[in-house]
Structures are given as structure tokens and as C-alpha cells.
Amino acid sequence: MLDVWPWVKDPENESRPSRSAVAAAVRLTTAQLEQDAPGHSVEVRVPPFAAVQCIEGSVHRRGTPPNVVQCDALTWLRLAGGIIDLDGAVTAGAEVSGAHAGDVSHWIPVVRGI
């Protein structure tokens, strides 16, 4: 996973890592969020690599959850690594919907010391 962080920090000047390396980093960081903030009130989606439910609250079982954070892999990894905050992720194109979707910001970054 370490080989993705130079690109995550400086995507303009670093080569994009392999798809499998990006996928592994996304899956690992979303799994860490799921572990740190267990629950089912917010769904974090990073298509096509991962989707996890997290944060205590109302349980959602079918259809589109009411609270969603969805973004591309680079935006998620920058968010997970503390390079940007949730507002920065939205500026980068993340979709944040639902009254409690912003609660994710309490649980990030999930990776420290990058």
C-alpha cells in the first residue's frame, strides 16, 4: 500500500500506481474506517473498489442508504490520508448526501503519518 502514497500526495507529478495497488489501498482504508466507526448509518462508496457501511445510528437494509459519501479512488485516498478534509473532497467531486453523511469527517483520516 505504501507505493500509492507518493501519487496520492502529488498526483500531478507522480505516476499513477497500478490498478491493483490503488484497489488494495482503497479496500484497506475503507475497511479501517469500517472497523474504527462500526455501524450502518452511512455508506462510503469508492467505485469500483469498495463500499462499506459505518457509523452508529439508524440501520439501513435495502435500496440506497439515506446517508452516502461517494468518491473516486484518488479523492478517497486523499481524504483517508488526511491530505484533504470532507469539504476538500466535495470540491474534488465527492458526492455527500444525507443529514449524517458528514459524520464521516469525525473518523478521518484513517491513515496517519503519510
C-alpha atoms as a PDB file:
ATOM      1  CA  MET A   1       0.000   0.000   0.000  1.00  0.00           C
ATOM      2  CA  LEU A   2       2.925   2.336   0.580  1.00  0.00           C
ATOM      3  CA  ASP A   3       3.606   2.632  -3.129  1.00  0.00           C
ATOM      4  CA  VAL A   4       0.374   4.583  -3.711  1.00  0.00           C
ATOM      5  CA  TRP A   5       1.090   7.444  -1.302  1.00  0.00           C
ATOM      6  CA  PRO A   6       3.541   9.430  -3.460  1.00  0.00           C
ATOM      7  CA  TRP A   7       0.805   9.589  -6.141  1.00  0.00           C
ATOM      8  CA  VAL A   8      -1.904  10.372  -3.581  1.00  0.00           C
ATOM      9  CA  LYS A   9       0.140  13.268  -2.212  1.00  0.00           C
ATOM     10  CA  ASP A  10       1.187  14.636  -5.610  1.00  0.00           C
ATOM     11  CA  PRO A  11      -0.956  13.233  -8.430  1.00  0.00           C
ATOM     12  CA  GLU A  12       0.201  15.895 -10.881  1.00  0.00           C
ATOM     13  CA  ASN A  13       3.866  14.872 -10.676  1.00  0.00           C
ATOM     14  CA  GLU A  14       3.779  11.190  -9.734  1.00  0.00           C
ATOM     15  CA  SER A  15       2.771   8.282 -11.933  1.00  0.00           C
ATOM     16  CA  ARG A  16      -0.488   6.571 -11.110  1.00  0.00           C
ATOM     17  CA  PRO A  17       0.201   3.220  -9.447  1.00  0.00           C
ATOM     18  CA  SER A  18      -1.214   0.004 -10.830  1.00  0.00           C
ATOM     19  CA  ARG A  19      -4.959  -0.542 -10.627  1.00  0.00           C
ATOM     20  CA  SER A  20      -4.399  -3.417  -8.201  1.00  0.00           C
ATOM     21  CA  ALA A  21      -2.283  -1.225  -5.886  1.00  0.00           C
ATOM     22  CA  VAL A  22      -4.935   1.507  -5.877  1.00  0.00           C
ATOM     23  CA  ALA A  23      -7.669  -1.079  -5.265  1.00  0.00           C
ATOM     24  CA  ALA A  24      -5.749  -2.605  -2.360  1.00  0.00           C
ATOM     25  CA  ALA A  25      -5.191   0.803  -0.756  1.00  0.00           C
ATOM     26  CA  VAL A  26      -8.872   1.729  -1.128  1.00  0.00           C
ATOM     27  CA  ARG A  27     -10.035  -1.587   0.312  1.00  0.00           C
ATOM     28  CA  LEU A  28      -7.628  -1.390   3.220  1.00  0.00           C
ATOM     29  CA  THR A  29      -8.547   2.185   4.146  1.00  0.00           C
ATOM     30  CA  THR A  30     -12.299   1.665   3.820  1.00  0.00           C
ATOM     31  CA  ALA A  31     -12.003  -1.485   5.937  1.00  0.00           C
ATOM     32  CA  GLN A  32     -10.143   0.569   8.544  1.00  0.00           C
ATOM     33  CA  LEU A  33     -12.955   3.137   8.553  1.00  0.00           C
ATOM     34  CA  GLU A  34     -15.500   0.340   8.940  1.00  0.00           C
ATOM     35  CA  GLN A  35     -13.527  -1.040  11.887  1.00  0.00           C
ATOM     36  CA  ASP A  36     -12.959   2.354  13.543  1.00  0.00           C
ATOM     37  CA  ALA A  37     -16.555   3.518  13.144  1.00  0.00           C
ATOM     38  CA  PRO A  38     -18.772   0.434  13.253  1.00  0.00           C
ATOM     39  CA  GLY A  39     -22.412   0.839  12.344  1.00  0.00           C
ATOM     40  CA  HIS A  40     -24.746   1.128   9.398  1.00  0.00           C
ATOM     41  CA  SER A  41     -25.948   4.727   9.192  1.00  0.00           C
ATOM     42  CA  VAL A  42     -23.537   5.982   6.494  1.00  0.00           C
ATOM     43  CA  GLU A  43     -22.334   4.187   3.389  1.00  0.00           C
ATOM     44  CA  VAL A  44     -18.945   5.133   1.958  1.00  0.00           C
ATOM     45  CA  ARG A  45     -18.576   4.142  -1.682  1.00  0.00           C
ATOM     46  CA  VAL A  46     -15.408   4.182  -3.765  1.00  0.00           C
ATOM     47  CA  PRO A  47     -16.476   2.585  -7.038  1.00  0.00           C
ATOM     48  CA  PRO A  48     -15.473   0.153  -8.360  1.00  0.00           C
ATOM     49  CA  PHE A  49     -13.272  -0.896  -5.453  1.00  0.00           C
ATOM     50  CA  ALA A  50     -15.212  -0.745  -2.192  1.00  0.00           C
ATOM     51  CA  ALA A  51     -18.367   0.165  -0.328  1.00  0.00           C
ATOM     52  CA  VAL A  52     -18.675  -0.021   3.443  1.00  0.00           C
ATOM     53  CA  GLN A  53     -21.284   0.926   5.977  1.00  0.00           C
ATOM     54  CA  CYS A  54     -20.115   2.687   9.097  1.00  0.00           C
ATOM     55  CA  ILE A  55     -21.064   4.948  11.996  1.00  0.00           C
ATOM     56  CA  GLU A  56     -23.626   4.043  14.616  1.00  0.00           C
ATOM     57  CA  GLY A  57     -27.171   5.160  14.057  1.00  0.00           C
ATOM     58  CA  SER A  58     -30.208   4.004  12.177  1.00  0.00           C
ATOM     59  CA  VAL A  59     -29.765   0.721  10.348  1.00  0.00           C
ATOM     60  CA  HIS A  60     -30.359   0.698   6.620  1.00  0.00           C
ATOM     61  CA  ARG A  61     -31.119  -2.614   4.938  1.00  0.00           C
ATOM     62  CA  ARG A  62     -32.475  -2.133   1.381  1.00  0.00           C
ATOM     63  CA  GLY A  63     -32.093   0.250  -1.516  1.00  0.00           C
ATOM     64  CA  THR A  64     -29.986   3.385  -1.498  1.00  0.00           C
ATOM     65  CA  PRO A  65     -28.963   4.398   2.014  1.00  0.00           C
ATOM     66  CA  PRO A  66     -30.084   7.851   3.146  1.00  0.00           C
ATOM     67  CA  ASN A  67     -26.517   8.915   4.064  1.00  0.00           C
ATOM     68  CA  VAL A  68     -23.861   8.379   1.404  1.00  0.00           C
ATOM     69  CA  VAL A  69     -20.327   9.549   0.740  1.00  0.00           C
ATOM     70  CA  GLN A  70     -19.171   8.548  -2.740  1.00  0.00           C
ATOM     71  CA  CYS A  71     -15.963   9.485  -4.494  1.00  0.00           C
ATOM     72  CA  ASP A  72     -13.267   8.262  -6.827  1.00  0.00           C
ATOM     73  CA  ALA A  73     -10.227   6.388  -5.535  1.00  0.00           C
ATOM     74  CA  LEU A  74      -7.818   9.332  -5.523  1.00  0.00           C
ATOM     75  CA  THR A  75     -10.242  11.582  -3.658  1.00  0.00           C
ATOM     76  CA  TRP A  76     -10.951   8.836  -1.110  1.00  0.00           C
ATOM     77  CA  LEU A  77      -7.259   8.123  -0.518  1.00  0.00           C
ATOM     78  CA  ARG A  78      -6.517  11.842  -0.100  1.00  0.00           C
ATOM     79  CA  LEU A  79      -9.395  12.013   2.385  1.00  0.00           C
ATOM     80  CA  ALA A  80      -8.342   8.824   4.186  1.00  0.00           C
ATOM     81  CA  GLY A  81      -4.760  10.066   4.407  1.00  0.00           C
ATOM     82  CA  GLY A  82      -5.703  13.466   5.810  1.00  0.00           C
ATOM     83  CA  ILE A  83      -4.464  15.344   2.752  1.00  0.00           C
ATOM     84  CA  ILE A  84      -7.904  16.872   2.263  1.00  0.00           C
ATOM     85  CA  ASP A  85     -10.929  17.193   4.527  1.00  0.00           C
ATOM     86  CA  LEU A  86     -14.533  16.425   3.622  1.00  0.00           C
ATOM     87  CA  ASP A  87     -15.061  19.908   2.162  1.00  0.00           C
ATOM     88  CA  GLY A  88     -11.977  19.381   0.006  1.00  0.00           C
ATOM     89  CA  ALA A  89     -13.349  16.019  -1.095  1.00  0.00           C
ATOM     90  CA  VAL A  90     -16.604  17.672  -2.143  1.00  0.00           C
ATOM     91  CA  THR A  91     -14.622  20.269  -4.083  1.00  0.00           C
ATOM     92  CA  ALA A  92     -12.795  17.364  -5.786  1.00  0.00           C
ATOM     93  CA  GLY A  93     -16.122  15.842  -6.837  1.00  0.00           C
ATOM     94  CA  ALA A  94     -17.236  13.661  -3.936  1.00  0.00           C
ATOM     95  CA  GLU A  95     -20.979  13.276  -3.506  1.00  0.00           C
ATOM     96  CA  VAL A  96     -22.127  13.690   0.077  1.00  0.00           C
ATOM     97  CA  SER A  97     -25.820  13.223   0.741  1.00  0.00           C
ATOM     98  CA  GLY A  98     -27.943  12.805   3.819  1.00  0.00           C
ATOM     99  CA  ALA A  99     -28.078  14.583   7.144  1.00  0.00           C
ATOM    100  CA  HIS A 100     -25.478  12.298   8.721  1.00  0.00           C
ATOM    101  CA  ALA A 101     -23.075  11.735   5.821  1.00  0.00           C
ATOM    102  CA  GLY A 102     -20.828  14.483   7.167  1.00  0.00           C
ATOM    103  CA  ASP A 103     -20.327  12.437  10.332  1.00  0.00           C
ATOM    104  CA  VAL A 104     -17.611  10.602   8.397  1.00  0.00           C
ATOM    105  CA  SER A 105     -15.359  13.624   8.916  1.00  0.00           C
ATOM    106  CA  HIS A 106     -15.074  12.728  12.607  1.00  0.00           C
ATOM    107  CA  TRP A 107     -13.431   9.420  11.653  1.00  0.00           C
ATOM    108  CA  ILE A 108     -10.895  10.619   9.122  1.00  0.00           C
ATOM    109  CA  PRO A 109      -8.058  10.478   8.464  1.00  0.00           C
ATOM    110  CA  VAL A 110      -7.900   6.710   8.854  1.00  0.00           C
ATOM    111  CA  VAL A 111      -4.193   6.601   7.982  1.00  0.00           C
ATOM    112  CA  ARG A 112      -1.810   8.869   9.834  1.00  0.00           C
ATOM    113  CA  GLY A 113       1.763   9.923   9.210  1.00  0.00           C
ATOM    114  CA  ILE A 114       1.749   9.797   5.436  1.00  0.00           C
END
